[in-house]
Every structure is written in C-alpha cells, then in structure tokens.
Protein backbone atom coordinates (compact mmCIF):
# COMPACT_ATOMS: atom_id res chain seq x y z
CA ASP A 1 18.37 8.97 26.79
CA ASN A 2 19.48 12.71 26.84
CA ALA A 3 15.19 13.20 25.27
CA THR A 4 15.58 17.10 24.87
CA LEU A 5 11.92 18.35 23.95
CA THR A 6 9.44 21.16 24.56
CA VAL A 7 5.69 20.84 24.15
CA PRO A 8 4.14 24.11 22.97
CA CYS A 9 1.13 25.59 24.86
CA GLY A 10 -1.72 24.84 22.76
CA GLY A 11 -2.78 21.74 20.31
CA VAL A 12 -1.98 18.09 20.45
CA THR A 13 1.45 17.24 20.50
CA GLY A 14 1.86 13.64 19.24
CA LEU A 15 4.00 11.30 21.24
CA VAL A 16 5.21 8.66 18.64
CA GLY A 17 7.05 5.17 18.49
CA GLU A 18 7.42 1.45 18.74
CA ASN A 19 6.28 -0.20 21.82
CA GLY A 20 9.43 0.23 24.26
CA ALA A 21 10.68 3.03 22.64
CA GLY A 22 10.50 5.12 25.76
CA LYS A 23 7.12 6.60 25.54
CA THR A 24 5.50 5.87 28.91
CA THR A 25 8.59 6.46 30.58
CA LEU A 26 8.90 9.64 29.46
CA ILE A 27 5.20 10.82 30.74
CA LYS A 28 6.51 9.25 33.94
CA HIS A 29 8.80 11.67 34.43
CA VAL A 30 6.66 14.79 33.32
CA LEU A 31 3.90 13.73 35.94
CA GLY A 32 6.80 12.77 38.81
CA LEU A 33 6.44 9.26 38.77
CA LEU A 34 10.16 9.23 37.84
CA ARG A 35 12.90 10.93 38.93
CA ALA A 36 15.77 12.28 36.32
CA GLN A 37 19.22 10.90 36.80
CA SER A 38 20.74 13.35 34.74
CA GLY A 39 19.27 16.77 33.30
CA THR A 40 15.44 18.39 34.22
CA VAL A 41 12.02 18.17 33.91
CA ASN A 42 9.88 21.32 34.14
CA VAL A 43 5.92 21.74 33.63
CA PHE A 44 4.62 24.71 33.96
CA GLY A 45 8.10 26.13 35.28
CA ARG A 46 8.43 23.33 37.81
CA ASP A 47 9.54 20.17 39.04
CA PRO A 48 6.55 17.81 39.19
CA VAL A 49 9.17 15.61 41.73
CA HIS A 50 9.41 18.64 43.96
CA HIS A 51 6.38 20.25 43.14
CA PRO A 52 3.45 17.90 43.22
CA GLU A 53 0.75 19.45 44.07
CA GLU A 54 1.10 22.36 42.16
CA VAL A 55 1.95 20.28 38.45
CA LEU A 56 -0.72 17.39 39.20
CA ARG A 57 -3.63 19.78 39.85
CA ARG A 58 -2.91 21.66 36.17
CA ILE A 59 -2.77 18.20 34.83
CA GLY A 60 -5.15 15.18 33.44
CA TYR A 61 -3.80 12.15 33.02
CA LEU A 62 -5.48 9.06 31.30
CA SER A 63 -2.99 5.87 32.10
CA GLU A 64 -2.28 3.20 29.38
CA ASN A 65 -3.86 0.79 32.12
CA ARG A 66 -6.74 2.61 33.05
CA ASP A 67 -6.24 1.77 36.43
CA LEU A 68 -9.58 2.90 37.86
CA PRO A 69 -11.38 1.41 40.87
CA ALA A 70 -13.04 -1.85 40.05
CA TRP A 71 -15.29 -1.45 42.68
CA MET A 72 -16.76 1.67 42.64
CA ARG A 73 -19.77 2.82 40.47
CA VAL A 74 -19.35 5.38 37.91
CA ASP A 75 -20.98 8.08 40.02
CA GLU A 76 -18.95 7.78 42.83
CA LEU A 77 -15.60 7.59 40.63
CA MET A 78 -17.11 11.03 39.44
CA ARG A 79 -17.12 12.31 43.20
CA TYR A 80 -13.95 10.10 44.22
CA THR A 81 -11.89 12.16 41.65
CA ARG A 82 -14.18 15.76 42.08
CA ALA A 83 -12.21 15.60 46.34
CA PHE A 84 -8.94 16.08 44.32
CA TYR A 85 -9.28 19.22 41.53
CA PRO A 86 -10.85 22.35 43.49
CA LYS A 87 -11.82 23.26 39.55
CA TRP A 88 -13.77 20.36 39.13
CA ASP A 89 -16.71 20.85 36.76
CA SER A 90 -19.52 18.76 37.93
CA ASP A 91 -22.07 19.88 35.19
CA TYR A 92 -19.25 19.22 32.49
CA ALA A 93 -18.63 16.15 34.03
CA GLU A 94 -22.57 14.84 34.14
CA LYS A 95 -22.72 16.59 30.09
CA LEU A 96 -19.14 14.03 29.32
CA ARG A 97 -20.96 11.51 31.51
CA ASP A 98 -24.03 11.29 28.79
CA MET A 99 -22.31 11.85 25.63
CA PHE A 100 -19.93 8.98 26.60
CA GLU A 101 -23.21 7.22 27.29
CA LEU A 102 -21.81 5.73 30.40
CA ASP A 103 -24.18 4.35 33.02
CA PRO A 104 -23.62 6.02 36.58
CA THR A 105 -25.16 3.31 38.47
CA ALA A 106 -22.64 0.78 36.48
CA LYS A 107 -19.19 -0.96 38.33
CA ILE A 108 -16.07 0.39 36.82
CA GLY A 109 -15.00 -3.90 36.87
CA THR A 110 -18.32 -4.40 34.75
CA LEU A 111 -17.52 -2.15 31.97
CA SER A 112 -16.27 -3.04 28.92
CA MET A 113 -12.74 -1.66 27.65
CA GLY A 114 -14.09 1.27 25.14
CA GLN A 115 -16.49 1.94 28.54
CA THR A 116 -13.46 1.95 31.16
CA ALA A 117 -11.43 4.43 28.52
CA LYS A 118 -14.05 6.64 28.24
CA ALA A 119 -14.53 6.86 32.31
CA GLY A 120 -11.19 6.91 32.49
CA LEU A 121 -10.79 10.38 30.35
CA LEU A 122 -14.39 11.54 32.35
CA ALA A 123 -12.08 11.45 35.00
CA ALA A 124 -9.40 13.06 33.43
CA LEU A 125 -11.05 16.07 31.27
CA ALA A 126 -13.65 17.00 34.11
CA HIS A 127 -11.96 19.20 35.90
CA ARG A 128 -10.65 21.27 32.70
CA PRO A 129 -7.00 20.67 33.23
CA GLU A 130 -4.49 23.11 31.42
CA PHE A 131 -2.16 20.03 30.47
CA LEU A 132 -3.71 16.41 29.10
CA VAL A 133 -1.55 13.62 28.73
CA LEU A 134 -3.21 10.09 27.59
CA ASP A 135 -0.73 7.42 27.08
CA GLU A 136 -2.06 4.87 24.71
CA PRO A 137 -5.35 6.11 25.28
CA SER A 138 -7.22 3.99 22.22
CA SER A 139 -4.75 1.17 22.53
CA GLY A 140 -6.80 -2.19 22.19
CA LEU A 141 -10.25 -0.74 21.58
CA ASP A 142 -12.44 -0.97 18.53
CA PRO A 143 -12.09 1.77 15.70
CA ILE A 144 -15.38 3.24 16.68
CA VAL A 145 -14.81 3.59 20.12
CA ARG A 146 -11.15 4.91 19.28
CA ARG A 147 -12.74 7.42 17.02
CA ASP A 148 -14.99 8.65 20.03
CA ILE A 149 -12.15 9.12 22.44
CA LEU A 150 -10.04 11.04 19.93
CA ASP A 151 -12.85 13.62 18.62
CA ALA A 152 -13.37 14.45 22.33
CA VAL A 153 -9.69 15.39 22.51
CA VAL A 154 -9.71 17.09 19.31
CA ARG A 155 -12.74 18.88 20.54
CA THR A 156 -10.94 19.42 24.12
CA ALA A 157 -7.87 20.97 22.49
CA ALA A 158 -9.92 22.85 19.86
CA ASP A 159 -12.94 24.29 21.82
CA GLU A 160 -10.54 25.24 25.00
CA GLY A 161 -7.11 26.03 24.13
CA ARG A 162 -5.78 23.25 25.98
CA THR A 163 -2.51 21.70 25.52
CA ILE A 164 -2.46 17.55 24.50
CA LEU A 165 0.36 15.54 25.11
CA PHE A 166 -0.85 12.40 23.35
CA SER A 167 1.42 9.05 23.31
CA SER A 168 0.61 6.13 20.68
CA HIS A 169 2.44 3.56 18.40
CA LEU A 170 -0.69 4.10 16.24
CA LEU A 171 0.45 6.53 13.95
CA ASP A 172 -2.69 6.56 11.75
CA GLU A 173 -4.44 8.17 14.78
CA VAL A 174 -1.47 10.72 15.26
CA GLU A 175 -1.19 12.06 11.73
CA ARG A 176 -5.33 12.56 11.83
CA VAL A 177 -5.13 14.46 15.34
CA GLY A 178 -1.76 16.14 15.80
CA ASP A 179 -0.81 19.57 15.73
CA ARG A 180 2.79 18.23 16.51
CA VAL A 181 5.03 15.33 16.63
CA VAL A 182 8.02 13.91 18.75
CA MET A 183 9.43 10.71 17.09
CA LEU A 184 11.45 8.59 19.74
CA HIS A 185 12.99 5.64 18.83
CA SER A 186 15.50 3.20 21.93
CA GLY A 187 15.23 6.07 24.56
CA HIS A 188 16.23 8.93 21.37
CA VAL A 189 13.84 11.78 20.19
CA VAL A 190 14.79 10.86 16.61
CA LEU A 191 12.23 13.69 15.16
CA ASP A 192 10.43 16.64 16.57
CA ASP A 193 8.71 19.24 14.17
CA THR A 194 5.32 20.43 13.89
CA MET A 195 3.38 17.75 11.69
CA GLU A 196 3.15 20.50 8.73
CA ALA A 197 6.78 20.55 8.13
CA ILE A 198 7.37 16.75 8.71
CA LYS A 199 4.79 16.33 5.97
CA LYS A 200 6.39 18.94 4.04
CA SER A 201 9.44 17.84 4.28
CA HIS A 202 9.30 14.39 3.56
CA ARG A 203 8.06 12.68 0.40
CA SER A 204 7.83 9.21 -1.16
CA VAL A 205 9.06 9.05 -4.43
CA VAL A 206 9.34 6.10 -7.00
CA VAL A 207 12.04 6.53 -9.67
CA ARG A 208 13.46 4.22 -12.79
CA SER A 209 17.37 5.18 -13.41
CA ALA A 210 18.44 4.93 -17.23
CA ASN A 211 21.31 2.87 -17.01
CA GLY A 212 19.34 0.50 -14.31
CA GLY A 213 21.39 -1.81 -11.67
CA ALA A 214 22.63 0.01 -8.29
CA ALA A 215 20.32 1.98 -6.24
CA PRO A 216 20.06 5.64 -6.69
CA THR A 217 21.84 8.11 -4.88
CA LEU A 218 20.00 11.22 -4.29
CA PRO A 219 20.01 14.03 -2.06
CA GLY A 220 18.22 13.39 1.19
CA MET A 221 17.66 10.11 0.52
CA LEU A 222 16.78 8.42 3.78
CA SER A 223 15.56 5.06 3.13
CA THR A 224 15.47 2.84 -0.52
CA GLN A 225 13.45 -0.35 -1.89
CA GLN A 226 14.12 -1.83 -4.98
CA GLU A 227 10.38 -3.57 -6.47
CA ASP A 228 9.39 -4.12 -10.06
CA GLY A 229 12.39 -2.99 -11.81
CA VAL A 230 11.94 0.57 -9.68
CA TRP A 231 12.91 2.27 -6.31
CA LYS A 232 10.74 3.40 -3.98
CA LEU A 233 12.78 5.98 -1.89
CA LEU A 234 11.56 8.65 0.98
CA CYS A 235 13.53 11.67 0.94
CA ASN A 236 13.65 14.88 3.70
CA VAL A 237 14.79 17.22 0.65
CA PRO A 238 12.30 19.71 -1.21
CA HIS A 239 10.34 18.59 -4.43
CA ASP A 240 12.21 21.02 -6.85
CA GLU A 241 15.52 20.14 -5.45
CA LEU A 242 14.97 16.37 -5.98
CA ALA A 243 13.57 17.08 -9.52
CA ALA A 244 16.84 18.68 -10.15
CA ALA A 245 18.77 16.14 -8.95
CA ALA A 246 17.27 13.17 -10.65
CA SER A 247 17.21 15.09 -13.82
CA GLN A 248 20.96 15.87 -13.53
CA GLY A 249 21.88 11.90 -12.46
CA GLY A 250 19.62 10.18 -15.30
CA TYR A 251 16.47 9.46 -12.93
CA GLU A 252 13.16 9.40 -13.86
CA ILE A 253 10.76 10.53 -11.20
CA LEU A 254 7.57 8.31 -11.95
CA GLU A 255 5.70 9.14 -8.72
CA SER A 256 6.43 11.76 -5.99
CA GLY A 257 3.72 12.78 -3.34
CA PRO A 258 3.66 12.91 0.62
CA ALA A 259 4.69 10.13 3.17
CA SER A 260 2.61 9.19 5.48
CA LEU A 261 3.61 9.19 8.62
CA ASN A 262 4.09 5.30 9.24
CA ASP A 263 6.80 5.63 6.37
CA ILE A 264 8.70 8.68 8.09
CA PHE A 265 9.20 5.93 11.08
CA VAL A 266 10.09 2.95 8.96
CA ALA A 267 12.74 5.38 7.60
CA ARG A 268 13.62 7.34 10.57
CA ALA A 269 13.46 4.34 13.20
CA GLY A 270 13.96 1.39 10.66
CA THR A 271 11.30 0.01 12.31
CA PRO A 272 8.54 -0.69 10.82
CA ALA A 273 5.39 0.90 13.33
CA HIS A 274 1.98 -0.83 14.58
CA VAL A 275 -0.81 0.75 12.27
CA GLU A 276 -4.51 -0.03 12.43
CA GLU A 277 -7.25 0.58 10.43
C-alpha cells in the first residue's frame, strides 16, 4: 500500500514484517508475477511485467513454498533449470550440491524440508544471478539447516558482491545477516535504513522516576512498559540527548543499551514478531 523503497546494489536487504504484512506480495511485484495497480516497479531499470526475460534471467529466486517438481531427481532438476539460464555454471552447481550434501539420484519428493530448501537454493544460485530474492528461505527448518542456508547466502553476498533481498519474519536471522532493513506493517513501509543506522538510532532504556506515578515523557519515545516500579522504554534518539532530557525531567536512567530488531519492530508496528532460537 504505497510502499516506496529502493534496494541498493550489493549486500543483503532484509524485508521484515509479521505474517500477512505484505512481504510476499511485494516480492511478487519484483518478479513481475503481479501488476502494480498504481505506481511503478523497476528492476535493473526495467518493468518486470513488460520485460520478464530481461529481468528474470538476472534474478535467482527461492520461493517460500519451495515448489520444485517432486518427480525429478536432484541431477534432473539441475539439468532442467540450466536450460533457462545461459550463464548457468555447472562446476559451481556441483560445488553447491556437494556443499549441501544432496544426493544427485534422490527424488525431490523424498527429500526432507531442509534438503528441499537447499535444492531450491542451488537452483537459484548456480547461474550466478546479479539479484537473489529469497522469500522466507528458512521458514519451518531446524536451526542447523537455517544456519547452513544463511551461511551460504552471506558467503554469496560477501564473495561475489551480489544483491540479496531476504524476506523473513524471523528477525534474529535478519539482524545477523542484513546490511539494510525494510520493515513492513499492514502493507506500509514503517522503517527503511541500514542496520547500523537503525541500531545506532534506537535504544532500550530503563528509567526510574523520582516522583513515581505517571509514565515518563522523554524525546523519541516509541514504547513504554512499566515493570517492578521502573519504566522500560524504547527511544529513537541519541543517548546524550536522552540522558540530558531524563536528568532535566527528574528521571534516573538505570540501564541503557542497543535495542534488538525485534524490540524495534514491536515498537514500530505494535505487533510482536516471531523469533526462533
């Protein structure tokens, strides 16, 4: 809904939001699977709806549904996918298959969820796309498989300078690998900045009021929560400015530190995001 953003070349942009926030819908517009009712979508300077070949041949895509042909073997999937991409790198594909420990003779339909996700990532990476689009790539997977997939994604970005758009509702993952964050809530972009700038500009603070009672009124406050006689705040203001305002208002700062991406999302969107360990 009037979502305006630019994904810069190079690095990992995390697209975050609760389920139903609009992440997959936005990705479908990027891939030309949906036509924008208003506004424009440009990928490499081209409209993906009107120029699908020119755009999609430069994109690697891993679907949230991992809808791979169940009847194919892994090696058949590799040969089938290769036919669509002139820049398919067979040696790199074999390297990925070996790294992901995929049996070339195994049928896709017999693979575990984690193995299926790795097979999909192999197909998305082996033609060395300039732009890698991942829609919830680790949803439903165990922590070890999630780590393996994220490591492969980060290595791809770091070693080859590729651009990655990584959609997830698991904010701890995005916080670990993202260079930039676009936060969606109910179809709207509520935050769009580098991870460094977001973490630097948001602080988690615990304060105690000299006179007790009413909630604190400090600059940049995004959320407040009273607990055991103190107030837990999330503020979008530099620490020095916050400290000066607290002192002037008669508040004692007991704790102050960087806020987690999940805390920032709750404050910005008003909805707890799902976090898995």
